[in-house]
Amino acid sequence: MKLLTVFGIFFRFGLLCFGGGYVLTPIYIEELVEGRGWMTLAEFGNFLAITQITPGPVSINAATFFGFRFAGILGAISATAGLLTPSLILMTLVLHGVRKWSESRVMKGLIWGVSPATIGLMVAALVIFLEMSIFSGKIPWGTFIDALTLNHPSWPEGLRIRPLAVIICGACTYAMCKTKIKITTMIFISALLGALLFPLMGN
């Protein structure tokens, strides 16, 4: 039953995975962290970081790691299979009917409706990544709004910005926009910098 539960959960995730694995980040947190309490947010962040430095798509790596966490090797297989099954079914249907559906107003409407929702989920994922890396907690939106409106902003106690993370993020952004560095090379360089400098910077 546990394996069926894992398969069913990730099957549902697979149905919602429009636009890539990152859009699943808010859904993972809502379901696995806040809903079921199967892991803490810090543990989720650690698992997600591991998926960034292992080969393969983020969504599949995450499903494999999370499934293993819940039910061992069989859980990893069940979660991965559950995530991939909807794509297999939908892609098979699309390939058989791509010519018929290419001019369908309904299909165009579905894509038109899903696209902005996908962008919204990616923005939400970006905010979550910022809270796990650049900031040491929830982003203080109220403080920023107060600063923009010239009110007296109050910084939440205990919240801080991690300078090393800001430097790495800025360097990666610049490298992606201005150089031809490979993404895998950049990831490994960033991981190496973090391993060397993180103990000196503190959490």
N, C-alpha and C. Protein backbone atom coordinates (compact mmCIF):
# COMPACT_ATOMS: atom_id res chain seq x y z
N MET A 1 0.83 -1.21 0.00
CA MET A 1 0.00 0.00 0.00
C MET A 1 0.87 1.26 0.00
N LYS A 2 1.99 1.19 0.71
CA LYS A 2 2.88 2.36 0.75
C LYS A 2 3.43 2.66 -0.64
N LEU A 3 3.79 1.61 -1.38
CA LEU A 3 4.32 1.81 -2.74
C LEU A 3 3.24 2.36 -3.66
N LEU A 4 2.01 1.88 -3.50
CA LEU A 4 0.91 2.40 -4.31
C LEU A 4 0.63 3.87 -3.99
N THR A 5 0.76 4.21 -2.72
CA THR A 5 0.57 5.60 -2.31
C THR A 5 1.61 6.50 -2.96
N VAL A 6 2.88 6.05 -2.90
CA VAL A 6 3.96 6.82 -3.52
C VAL A 6 3.73 6.96 -5.01
N PHE A 7 3.36 5.85 -5.67
CA PHE A 7 3.10 5.89 -7.11
C PHE A 7 1.97 6.86 -7.42
N GLY A 8 0.88 6.80 -6.66
CA GLY A 8 -0.27 7.68 -6.90
C GLY A 8 0.07 9.15 -6.72
N ILE A 9 0.85 9.45 -5.69
CA ILE A 9 1.22 10.85 -5.44
C ILE A 9 2.03 11.40 -6.60
N PHE A 10 3.03 10.64 -7.03
CA PHE A 10 3.90 11.15 -8.09
C PHE A 10 3.24 11.04 -9.46
N PHE A 11 2.27 10.16 -9.61
CA PHE A 11 1.48 10.14 -10.84
C PHE A 11 0.73 11.46 -10.97
N ARG A 12 0.17 11.91 -9.87
CA ARG A 12 -0.54 13.20 -9.88
C ARG A 12 0.43 14.34 -10.16
N PHE A 13 1.62 14.27 -9.58
CA PHE A 13 2.63 15.28 -9.87
C PHE A 13 2.97 15.29 -11.37
N GLY A 14 3.06 14.08 -11.96
CA GLY A 14 3.37 13.97 -13.38
C GLY A 14 2.33 14.63 -14.26
N LEU A 15 1.07 14.59 -13.83
CA LEU A 15 0.00 15.24 -14.59
C LEU A 15 0.11 16.76 -14.55
N LEU A 16 0.80 17.27 -13.50
CA LEU A 16 0.89 18.72 -13.32
C LEU A 16 2.21 19.29 -13.78
N CYS A 17 3.11 18.44 -14.27
CA CYS A 17 4.47 18.87 -14.60
C CYS A 17 4.53 19.49 -15.99
N PHE A 18 3.93 20.67 -16.14
CA PHE A 18 3.99 21.40 -17.40
C PHE A 18 5.13 22.41 -17.32
N GLY A 19 6.03 22.38 -18.28
CA GLY A 19 7.09 23.39 -18.33
C GLY A 19 8.38 22.98 -17.66
N GLY A 20 8.50 21.75 -17.18
CA GLY A 20 9.76 21.32 -16.58
C GLY A 20 9.62 21.03 -15.10
N GLY A 21 10.68 20.46 -14.53
CA GLY A 21 10.64 20.00 -13.15
C GLY A 21 10.55 21.09 -12.12
N TYR A 22 11.06 22.30 -12.44
CA TYR A 22 11.07 23.35 -11.44
C TYR A 22 9.67 23.78 -11.03
N VAL A 23 8.70 23.65 -11.94
CA VAL A 23 7.34 24.07 -11.60
C VAL A 23 6.74 23.18 -10.52
N LEU A 24 7.33 22.00 -10.31
CA LEU A 24 6.82 21.10 -9.29
C LEU A 24 7.29 21.48 -7.89
N THR A 25 8.26 22.37 -7.76
CA THR A 25 8.80 22.71 -6.45
C THR A 25 7.73 23.19 -5.48
N PRO A 26 6.89 24.17 -5.85
CA PRO A 26 5.83 24.59 -4.91
C PRO A 26 4.87 23.44 -4.59
N ILE A 27 4.61 22.59 -5.57
CA ILE A 27 3.68 21.47 -5.36
C ILE A 27 4.30 20.45 -4.41
N TYR A 28 5.58 20.17 -4.60
CA TYR A 28 6.28 19.26 -3.68
C TYR A 28 6.18 19.76 -2.25
N ILE A 29 6.42 21.05 -2.06
CA ILE A 29 6.40 21.61 -0.71
C ILE A 29 5.00 21.55 -0.12
N GLU A 30 4.01 21.93 -0.92
CA GLU A 30 2.63 21.91 -0.43
C GLU A 30 2.19 20.50 -0.03
N GLU A 31 2.55 19.51 -0.83
CA GLU A 31 2.08 18.15 -0.59
C GLU A 31 2.95 17.39 0.39
N LEU A 32 4.26 17.38 0.18
CA LEU A 32 5.16 16.52 0.95
C LEU A 32 5.62 17.15 2.25
N VAL A 33 5.83 18.47 2.26
CA VAL A 33 6.33 19.14 3.46
C VAL A 33 5.18 19.62 4.33
N GLU A 34 4.32 20.46 3.77
CA GLU A 34 3.25 21.06 4.57
C GLU A 34 2.06 20.13 4.74
N GLY A 35 1.71 19.38 3.68
CA GLY A 35 0.53 18.53 3.74
C GLY A 35 0.74 17.25 4.51
N ARG A 36 1.72 16.46 4.11
CA ARG A 36 1.94 15.14 4.70
C ARG A 36 3.01 15.12 5.78
N GLY A 37 3.84 16.17 5.83
CA GLY A 37 4.88 16.24 6.85
C GLY A 37 5.91 15.13 6.73
N TRP A 38 6.18 14.67 5.51
CA TRP A 38 7.14 13.58 5.31
C TRP A 38 8.58 14.05 5.43
N MET A 39 8.78 15.37 5.37
CA MET A 39 10.13 15.92 5.56
C MET A 39 9.99 17.39 5.94
N THR A 40 11.05 17.93 6.54
CA THR A 40 11.05 19.34 6.87
C THR A 40 11.46 20.16 5.64
N LEU A 41 11.25 21.45 5.71
CA LEU A 41 11.62 22.31 4.59
C LEU A 41 13.13 22.29 4.38
N ALA A 42 13.89 22.22 5.50
CA ALA A 42 15.35 22.15 5.38
C ALA A 42 15.79 20.87 4.69
N GLU A 43 15.15 19.75 5.05
CA GLU A 43 15.47 18.47 4.40
C GLU A 43 15.11 18.52 2.92
N PHE A 44 13.97 19.13 2.62
CA PHE A 44 13.57 19.26 1.22
C PHE A 44 14.61 20.06 0.44
N GLY A 45 15.10 21.14 1.04
CA GLY A 45 16.11 21.95 0.38
C GLY A 45 17.38 21.17 0.12
N ASN A 46 17.77 20.33 1.09
CA ASN A 46 18.97 19.50 0.91
C ASN A 46 18.78 18.49 -0.21
N PHE A 47 17.62 17.85 -0.24
CA PHE A 47 17.34 16.88 -1.30
C PHE A 47 17.34 17.57 -2.66
N LEU A 48 16.76 18.76 -2.71
CA LEU A 48 16.69 19.49 -3.97
C LEU A 48 18.08 19.90 -4.44
N ALA A 49 18.94 20.26 -3.49
CA ALA A 49 20.32 20.62 -3.85
C ALA A 49 21.05 19.41 -4.44
N ILE A 50 20.80 18.23 -3.89
CA ILE A 50 21.45 17.02 -4.41
C ILE A 50 21.01 16.77 -5.85
N THR A 51 19.73 17.03 -6.14
CA THR A 51 19.24 16.79 -7.51
C THR A 51 19.89 17.73 -8.52
N GLN A 52 20.41 18.87 -8.05
CA GLN A 52 21.04 19.81 -8.97
C GLN A 52 22.41 19.33 -9.44
N ILE A 53 23.07 18.50 -8.64
CA ILE A 53 24.44 18.10 -8.97
C ILE A 53 24.52 16.64 -9.41
N THR A 54 23.38 16.02 -9.65
CA THR A 54 23.36 14.66 -10.19
C THR A 54 22.83 14.70 -11.61
N PRO A 55 23.31 13.82 -12.49
CA PRO A 55 22.86 13.82 -13.89
C PRO A 55 21.37 13.52 -14.01
N GLY A 56 20.74 14.11 -15.01
CA GLY A 56 19.34 13.82 -15.28
C GLY A 56 18.44 15.00 -14.97
N PRO A 57 17.19 14.97 -15.47
CA PRO A 57 16.23 16.04 -15.21
C PRO A 57 15.93 16.19 -13.72
N VAL A 58 15.72 17.42 -13.30
CA VAL A 58 15.50 17.70 -11.89
C VAL A 58 14.28 16.97 -11.35
N SER A 59 13.18 16.98 -12.11
CA SER A 59 11.95 16.38 -11.62
C SER A 59 12.11 14.87 -11.39
N ILE A 60 12.79 14.20 -12.32
CA ILE A 60 12.99 12.75 -12.18
C ILE A 60 13.93 12.45 -11.02
N ASN A 61 15.02 13.21 -10.94
CA ASN A 61 15.96 13.00 -9.83
C ASN A 61 15.27 13.20 -8.49
N ALA A 62 14.44 14.26 -8.42
CA ALA A 62 13.74 14.54 -7.17
C ALA A 62 12.79 13.41 -6.81
N ALA A 63 12.04 12.93 -7.80
CA ALA A 63 11.11 11.82 -7.54
C ALA A 63 11.87 10.59 -7.04
N THR A 64 13.01 10.30 -7.65
CA THR A 64 13.80 9.14 -7.25
C THR A 64 14.30 9.30 -5.81
N PHE A 65 14.83 10.47 -5.49
CA PHE A 65 15.33 10.72 -4.14
C PHE A 65 14.22 10.66 -3.10
N PHE A 66 13.10 11.35 -3.40
CA PHE A 66 12.00 11.39 -2.44
C PHE A 66 11.38 10.01 -2.24
N GLY A 67 11.23 9.27 -3.36
CA GLY A 67 10.68 7.93 -3.25
C GLY A 67 11.57 7.02 -2.42
N PHE A 68 12.89 7.14 -2.59
CA PHE A 68 13.82 6.35 -1.79
C PHE A 68 13.71 6.72 -0.31
N ARG A 69 13.51 8.01 -0.05
CA ARG A 69 13.37 8.47 1.33
C ARG A 69 12.14 7.85 1.99
N PHE A 70 11.06 7.69 1.23
CA PHE A 70 9.82 7.19 1.80
C PHE A 70 9.80 5.67 1.94
N ALA A 71 10.33 4.97 0.92
CA ALA A 71 10.16 3.51 0.91
C ALA A 71 11.34 2.76 0.29
N GLY A 72 12.53 3.30 0.41
CA GLY A 72 13.71 2.58 -0.06
C GLY A 72 13.78 2.49 -1.58
N ILE A 73 14.47 1.47 -2.06
CA ILE A 73 14.70 1.31 -3.49
C ILE A 73 13.38 1.14 -4.25
N LEU A 74 12.48 0.31 -3.71
CA LEU A 74 11.18 0.12 -4.37
C LEU A 74 10.38 1.42 -4.40
N GLY A 75 10.53 2.22 -3.36
CA GLY A 75 9.86 3.52 -3.34
C GLY A 75 10.42 4.45 -4.41
N ALA A 76 11.74 4.40 -4.61
CA ALA A 76 12.35 5.21 -5.66
C ALA A 76 11.83 4.81 -7.04
N ILE A 77 11.73 3.50 -7.26
CA ILE A 77 11.20 3.02 -8.54
C ILE A 77 9.74 3.41 -8.71
N SER A 78 8.96 3.28 -7.66
CA SER A 78 7.53 3.62 -7.73
C SER A 78 7.32 5.10 -8.00
N ALA A 79 8.08 5.95 -7.31
CA ALA A 79 7.94 7.39 -7.49
C ALA A 79 8.34 7.81 -8.90
N THR A 80 9.46 7.28 -9.38
CA THR A 80 9.93 7.63 -10.72
C THR A 80 8.95 7.15 -11.78
N ALA A 81 8.45 5.91 -11.62
CA ALA A 81 7.48 5.37 -12.58
C ALA A 81 6.19 6.19 -12.54
N GLY A 82 5.75 6.58 -11.35
CA GLY A 82 4.54 7.38 -11.22
C GLY A 82 4.67 8.73 -11.90
N LEU A 83 5.84 9.36 -11.77
CA LEU A 83 6.05 10.66 -12.39
C LEU A 83 6.09 10.57 -13.91
N LEU A 84 6.67 9.50 -14.43
CA LEU A 84 6.87 9.38 -15.88
C LEU A 84 5.65 8.83 -16.62
N THR A 85 4.81 8.08 -15.94
CA THR A 85 3.67 7.44 -16.61
C THR A 85 2.73 8.42 -17.30
N PRO A 86 2.32 9.52 -16.65
CA PRO A 86 1.43 10.46 -17.36
C PRO A 86 2.07 11.02 -18.63
N SER A 87 3.36 11.33 -18.58
CA SER A 87 4.04 11.85 -19.78
C SER A 87 4.04 10.82 -20.89
N LEU A 88 4.27 9.57 -20.53
CA LEU A 88 4.28 8.50 -21.53
C LEU A 88 2.91 8.38 -22.20
N ILE A 89 1.86 8.39 -21.39
CA ILE A 89 0.50 8.26 -21.92
C ILE A 89 0.13 9.46 -22.78
N LEU A 90 0.39 10.67 -22.26
CA LEU A 90 0.00 11.88 -22.98
C LEU A 90 0.79 12.05 -24.28
N MET A 91 2.10 11.76 -24.22
CA MET A 91 2.91 11.89 -25.43
C MET A 91 2.50 10.88 -26.49
N THR A 92 2.12 9.68 -26.07
CA THR A 92 1.64 8.68 -27.02
C THR A 92 0.37 9.16 -27.71
N LEU A 93 -0.54 9.73 -26.94
CA LEU A 93 -1.78 10.26 -27.51
C LEU A 93 -1.50 11.43 -28.46
N VAL A 94 -0.57 12.30 -28.03
CA VAL A 94 -0.24 13.47 -28.86
C VAL A 94 0.38 13.04 -30.18
N LEU A 95 1.29 12.08 -30.13
CA LEU A 95 1.95 11.63 -31.36
C LEU A 95 0.96 11.01 -32.34
N HIS A 96 -0.06 10.35 -31.82
CA HIS A 96 -1.06 9.75 -32.69
C HIS A 96 -2.03 10.78 -33.27
N GLY A 97 -2.21 11.88 -32.53
CA GLY A 97 -3.20 12.85 -32.99
C GLY A 97 -2.66 14.24 -33.23
N VAL A 98 -1.32 14.37 -33.40
CA VAL A 98 -0.72 15.70 -33.50
C VAL A 98 -1.24 16.48 -34.70
N ARG A 99 -1.43 15.81 -35.85
CA ARG A 99 -1.93 16.51 -37.03
C ARG A 99 -3.37 16.95 -36.85
N LYS A 100 -4.14 16.09 -36.23
CA LYS A 100 -5.56 16.38 -36.04
C LYS A 100 -5.75 17.53 -35.05
N TRP A 101 -4.90 17.55 -34.00
CA TRP A 101 -5.07 18.53 -32.93
C TRP A 101 -4.32 19.83 -33.18
N SER A 102 -3.43 19.85 -34.16
CA SER A 102 -2.57 21.02 -34.35
C SER A 102 -3.38 22.29 -34.63
N GLU A 103 -4.55 22.13 -35.26
CA GLU A 103 -5.38 23.29 -35.58
C GLU A 103 -6.61 23.39 -34.68
N SER A 104 -6.65 22.55 -33.66
CA SER A 104 -7.81 22.55 -32.77
C SER A 104 -7.81 23.80 -31.88
N ARG A 105 -8.92 24.52 -31.86
CA ARG A 105 -9.04 25.70 -31.01
C ARG A 105 -9.02 25.31 -29.53
N VAL A 106 -9.57 24.15 -29.24
CA VAL A 106 -9.57 23.68 -27.85
C VAL A 106 -8.13 23.43 -27.38
N MET A 107 -7.34 22.75 -28.22
CA MET A 107 -5.95 22.47 -27.85
C MET A 107 -5.15 23.76 -27.71
N LYS A 108 -5.36 24.70 -28.65
CA LYS A 108 -4.67 25.98 -28.56
C LYS A 108 -5.08 26.72 -27.29
N GLY A 109 -6.35 26.60 -26.92
CA GLY A 109 -6.83 27.24 -25.70
C GLY A 109 -6.20 26.62 -24.46
N LEU A 110 -6.06 25.29 -24.47
CA LEU A 110 -5.42 24.62 -23.33
C LEU A 110 -3.98 25.09 -23.15
N ILE A 111 -3.25 25.16 -24.26
CA ILE A 111 -1.85 25.60 -24.19
C ILE A 111 -1.77 27.06 -23.74
N TRP A 112 -2.69 27.88 -24.28
CA TRP A 112 -2.72 29.30 -23.90
C TRP A 112 -2.99 29.45 -22.40
N GLY A 113 -3.86 28.61 -21.85
CA GLY A 113 -4.18 28.71 -20.43
C GLY A 113 -3.10 28.17 -19.53
N VAL A 114 -2.41 27.12 -19.98
CA VAL A 114 -1.38 26.49 -19.15
C VAL A 114 -0.12 27.34 -19.09
N SER A 115 0.20 28.04 -20.17
CA SER A 115 1.46 28.78 -20.25
C SER A 115 1.64 29.79 -19.12
N PRO A 116 0.68 30.70 -18.86
CA PRO A 116 0.87 31.65 -17.76
C PRO A 116 0.89 30.99 -16.39
N ALA A 117 0.13 29.90 -16.23
CA ALA A 117 0.15 29.18 -14.96
C ALA A 117 1.53 28.57 -14.73
N THR A 118 2.15 28.05 -15.79
CA THR A 118 3.48 27.48 -15.69
C THR A 118 4.50 28.54 -15.28
N ILE A 119 4.39 29.72 -15.89
CA ILE A 119 5.30 30.82 -15.52
C ILE A 119 5.11 31.19 -14.06
N GLY A 120 3.85 31.23 -13.61
CA GLY A 120 3.59 31.54 -12.21
C GLY A 120 4.24 30.53 -11.26
N LEU A 121 4.16 29.24 -11.61
CA LEU A 121 4.77 28.21 -10.78
C LEU A 121 6.30 28.33 -10.79
N MET A 122 6.87 28.73 -11.92
CA MET A 122 8.32 28.91 -11.99
C MET A 122 8.76 30.10 -11.15
N VAL A 123 7.96 31.17 -11.15
CA VAL A 123 8.27 32.32 -10.30
C VAL A 123 8.19 31.92 -8.83
N ALA A 124 7.15 31.14 -8.50
CA ALA A 124 7.03 30.66 -7.11
C ALA A 124 8.23 29.80 -6.73
N ALA A 125 8.69 28.96 -7.67
CA ALA A 125 9.87 28.14 -7.42
C ALA A 125 11.10 29.02 -7.20
N LEU A 126 11.22 30.11 -7.98
CA LEU A 126 12.34 31.03 -7.81
C LEU A 126 12.34 31.64 -6.42
N VAL A 127 11.16 32.03 -5.94
CA VAL A 127 11.05 32.61 -4.60
C VAL A 127 11.48 31.58 -3.55
N ILE A 128 11.05 30.34 -3.73
CA ILE A 128 11.40 29.28 -2.78
C ILE A 128 12.91 29.06 -2.77
N PHE A 129 13.55 29.03 -3.96
CA PHE A 129 15.00 28.85 -4.03
C PHE A 129 15.72 30.01 -3.36
N LEU A 130 15.20 31.24 -3.53
CA LEU A 130 15.81 32.40 -2.87
C LEU A 130 15.75 32.25 -1.36
N GLU A 131 14.61 31.78 -0.85
CA GLU A 131 14.45 31.62 0.59
C GLU A 131 15.32 30.50 1.15
N MET A 132 15.72 29.56 0.29
CA MET A 132 16.56 28.45 0.73
C MET A 132 18.05 28.76 0.56
N SER A 133 18.39 29.80 -0.19
CA SER A 133 19.80 30.04 -0.48
C SER A 133 20.24 31.45 -0.11
N ILE A 134 19.69 32.45 -0.79
CA ILE A 134 20.10 33.84 -0.55
C ILE A 134 19.70 34.31 0.83
N PHE A 135 18.46 34.02 1.21
CA PHE A 135 17.95 34.41 2.53
C PHE A 135 18.01 33.22 3.48
N SER A 136 18.02 33.53 4.76
CA SER A 136 18.03 32.46 5.77
C SER A 136 16.62 32.12 6.24
N GLY A 137 15.61 32.63 5.56
CA GLY A 137 14.22 32.35 5.92
C GLY A 137 13.29 32.98 4.91
N LYS A 138 12.05 33.20 5.31
CA LYS A 138 11.04 33.78 4.41
C LYS A 138 11.45 35.19 3.98
N ILE A 139 11.24 35.49 2.70
CA ILE A 139 11.55 36.82 2.20
C ILE A 139 10.62 37.85 2.84
N PRO A 140 11.17 38.93 3.42
CA PRO A 140 10.32 39.93 4.10
C PRO A 140 9.72 40.93 3.11
N TRP A 141 8.68 40.50 2.40
CA TRP A 141 8.08 41.36 1.39
C TRP A 141 7.57 42.67 1.99
N GLY A 142 7.03 42.59 3.20
CA GLY A 142 6.52 43.80 3.84
C GLY A 142 7.61 44.83 4.07
N THR A 143 8.80 44.36 4.44
CA THR A 143 9.92 45.27 4.67
C THR A 143 10.32 45.98 3.38
N PHE A 144 10.37 45.23 2.28
CA PHE A 144 10.73 45.83 1.00
C PHE A 144 9.68 46.84 0.54
N ILE A 145 8.40 46.52 0.76
CA ILE A 145 7.33 47.45 0.38
C ILE A 145 7.41 48.72 1.20
N ASP A 146 7.69 48.56 2.50
CA ASP A 146 7.85 49.75 3.36
C ASP A 146 8.99 50.62 2.88
N ALA A 147 10.10 50.00 2.47
CA ALA A 147 11.25 50.77 1.99
C ALA A 147 10.91 51.53 0.71
N LEU A 148 10.16 50.89 -0.20
CA LEU A 148 9.79 51.52 -1.46
C LEU A 148 8.81 52.68 -1.25
N THR A 149 7.98 52.57 -0.24
CA THR A 149 7.00 53.62 0.04
C THR A 149 7.51 54.64 1.05
N LEU A 150 8.82 54.58 1.32
CA LEU A 150 9.49 55.53 2.22
C LEU A 150 8.99 55.46 3.65
N ASN A 151 8.40 54.32 4.03
CA ASN A 151 8.06 54.12 5.44
C ASN A 151 9.29 53.61 6.17
N HIS A 152 9.16 53.37 7.44
CA HIS A 152 10.29 52.88 8.23
C HIS A 152 10.27 51.36 8.24
N PRO A 153 11.12 50.74 7.40
CA PRO A 153 11.09 49.27 7.32
C PRO A 153 11.69 48.63 8.57
N SER A 154 11.12 47.52 8.99
CA SER A 154 11.64 46.77 10.14
C SER A 154 12.08 45.40 9.65
N TRP A 155 13.37 45.12 9.77
CA TRP A 155 13.92 43.85 9.30
C TRP A 155 13.58 42.76 10.31
N PRO A 156 13.04 41.63 9.87
CA PRO A 156 12.67 40.55 10.80
C PRO A 156 13.88 40.07 11.60
N GLU A 157 13.68 39.85 12.87
CA GLU A 157 14.76 39.40 13.74
C GLU A 157 15.24 38.01 13.34
N GLY A 158 16.54 37.85 13.22
CA GLY A 158 17.12 36.55 12.89
C GLY A 158 17.26 36.28 11.41
N LEU A 159 16.59 37.08 10.57
CA LEU A 159 16.68 36.88 9.12
C LEU A 159 17.91 37.61 8.60
N ARG A 160 18.68 36.94 7.76
CA ARG A 160 19.83 37.59 7.16
C ARG A 160 20.02 37.13 5.72
N ILE A 161 20.78 37.91 5.00
CA ILE A 161 21.13 37.57 3.62
C ILE A 161 22.52 36.94 3.62
N ARG A 162 22.65 35.81 2.93
CA ARG A 162 23.92 35.10 2.89
C ARG A 162 24.79 35.69 1.78
N PRO A 163 25.87 36.37 2.13
CA PRO A 163 26.69 37.06 1.12
C PRO A 163 27.34 36.10 0.13
N LEU A 164 27.78 34.93 0.57
CA LEU A 164 28.40 33.97 -0.34
C LEU A 164 27.40 33.53 -1.40
N ALA A 165 26.17 33.29 -0.98
CA ALA A 165 25.13 32.87 -1.93
C ALA A 165 24.84 33.97 -2.93
N VAL A 166 24.84 35.21 -2.48
CA VAL A 166 24.60 36.34 -3.38
C VAL A 166 25.71 36.42 -4.43
N ILE A 167 26.96 36.25 -3.99
CA ILE A 167 28.10 36.32 -4.91
C ILE A 167 28.03 35.21 -5.95
N ILE A 168 27.76 33.97 -5.50
CA ILE A 168 27.67 32.85 -6.42
C ILE A 168 26.52 33.03 -7.39
N CYS A 169 25.37 33.48 -6.89
CA CYS A 169 24.20 33.70 -7.74
C CYS A 169 24.50 34.76 -8.79
N GLY A 170 25.10 35.87 -8.37
CA GLY A 170 25.43 36.93 -9.30
C GLY A 170 26.44 36.49 -10.35
N ALA A 171 27.46 35.75 -9.91
CA ALA A 171 28.48 35.27 -10.84
C ALA A 171 27.89 34.30 -11.86
N CYS A 172 27.01 33.41 -11.40
CA CYS A 172 26.38 32.46 -12.32
C CYS A 172 25.48 33.16 -13.32
N THR A 173 24.73 34.15 -12.85
CA THR A 173 23.86 34.90 -13.74
C THR A 173 24.67 35.62 -14.82
N TYR A 174 25.77 36.26 -14.40
CA TYR A 174 26.63 36.95 -15.35
C TYR A 174 27.22 35.97 -16.36
N ALA A 175 27.70 34.83 -15.84
CA ALA A 175 28.33 33.84 -16.72
C ALA A 175 27.34 33.30 -17.74
N MET A 176 26.09 33.08 -17.32
CA MET A 176 25.09 32.56 -18.24
C MET A 176 24.75 33.57 -19.33
N CYS A 177 24.78 34.86 -18.98
CA CYS A 177 24.38 35.90 -19.94
C CYS A 177 25.54 36.35 -20.83
N LYS A 178 26.76 36.30 -20.32
CA LYS A 178 27.89 36.93 -21.03
C LYS A 178 28.94 35.96 -21.54
N THR A 179 28.92 34.72 -21.11
CA THR A 179 29.95 33.78 -21.53
C THR A 179 29.30 32.54 -22.14
N LYS A 180 30.15 31.66 -22.62
CA LYS A 180 29.68 30.41 -23.20
C LYS A 180 29.99 29.22 -22.29
N ILE A 181 30.13 29.49 -21.01
CA ILE A 181 30.43 28.43 -20.06
C ILE A 181 29.30 27.40 -20.05
N LYS A 182 29.66 26.14 -19.94
CA LYS A 182 28.65 25.09 -19.89
C LYS A 182 27.97 25.08 -18.52
N ILE A 183 26.69 24.75 -18.53
CA ILE A 183 25.92 24.75 -17.29
C ILE A 183 26.50 23.77 -16.29
N THR A 184 26.89 22.57 -16.77
CA THR A 184 27.45 21.57 -15.85
C THR A 184 28.74 22.07 -15.22
N THR A 185 29.57 22.74 -16.01
CA THR A 185 30.82 23.30 -15.47
C THR A 185 30.52 24.32 -14.39
N MET A 186 29.54 25.19 -14.65
CA MET A 186 29.19 26.22 -13.69
C MET A 186 28.65 25.63 -12.40
N ILE A 187 27.86 24.58 -12.52
CA ILE A 187 27.30 23.94 -11.33
C ILE A 187 28.40 23.34 -10.46
N PHE A 188 29.35 22.65 -11.10
CA PHE A 188 30.43 22.03 -10.33
C PHE A 188 31.35 23.08 -9.71
N ILE A 189 31.60 24.18 -10.41
CA ILE A 189 32.42 25.25 -9.84
C ILE A 189 31.72 25.85 -8.62
N SER A 190 30.41 26.09 -8.76
CA SER A 190 29.64 26.65 -7.65
C SER A 190 29.63 25.70 -6.45
N ALA A 191 29.46 24.40 -6.73
CA ALA A 191 29.47 23.41 -5.64
C ALA A 191 30.82 23.39 -4.95
N LEU A 192 31.91 23.48 -5.72
CA LEU A 192 33.25 23.48 -5.14
C LEU A 192 33.48 24.72 -4.28
N LEU A 193 33.03 25.88 -4.79
CA LEU A 193 33.17 27.11 -4.01
C LEU A 193 32.39 27.01 -2.70
N GLY A 194 31.18 26.46 -2.80
CA GLY A 194 30.38 26.31 -1.58
C GLY A 194 31.04 25.38 -0.58
N ALA A 195 31.61 24.29 -1.07
CA ALA A 195 32.26 23.34 -0.17
C ALA A 195 33.47 23.96 0.52
N LEU A 196 34.20 24.82 -0.22
CA LEU A 196 35.41 25.42 0.34
C LEU A 196 35.10 26.60 1.26
N LEU A 197 34.10 27.41 0.90
CA LEU A 197 33.86 28.66 1.60
C LEU A 197 32.76 28.61 2.63
N PHE A 198 31.80 27.69 2.47
CA PHE A 198 30.66 27.64 3.39
C PHE A 198 31.08 27.47 4.84
N PRO A 199 32.05 26.58 5.17
CA PRO A 199 32.44 26.45 6.58
C PRO A 199 32.99 27.75 7.17
N LEU A 200 33.55 28.61 6.32
CA LEU A 200 34.09 29.88 6.80
C LEU A 200 33.03 30.94 6.99
N MET A 201 31.92 30.80 6.23
CA MET A 201 30.88 31.83 6.26
C MET A 201 29.82 31.54 7.31
N GLY A 202 29.71 30.29 7.76
CA GLY A 202 28.64 29.93 8.68
C GLY A 202 27.36 29.66 7.94
N ASN A 203 26.33 29.23 8.65
CA ASN A 203 25.07 28.88 8.00
C ASN A 203 24.29 30.14 7.65
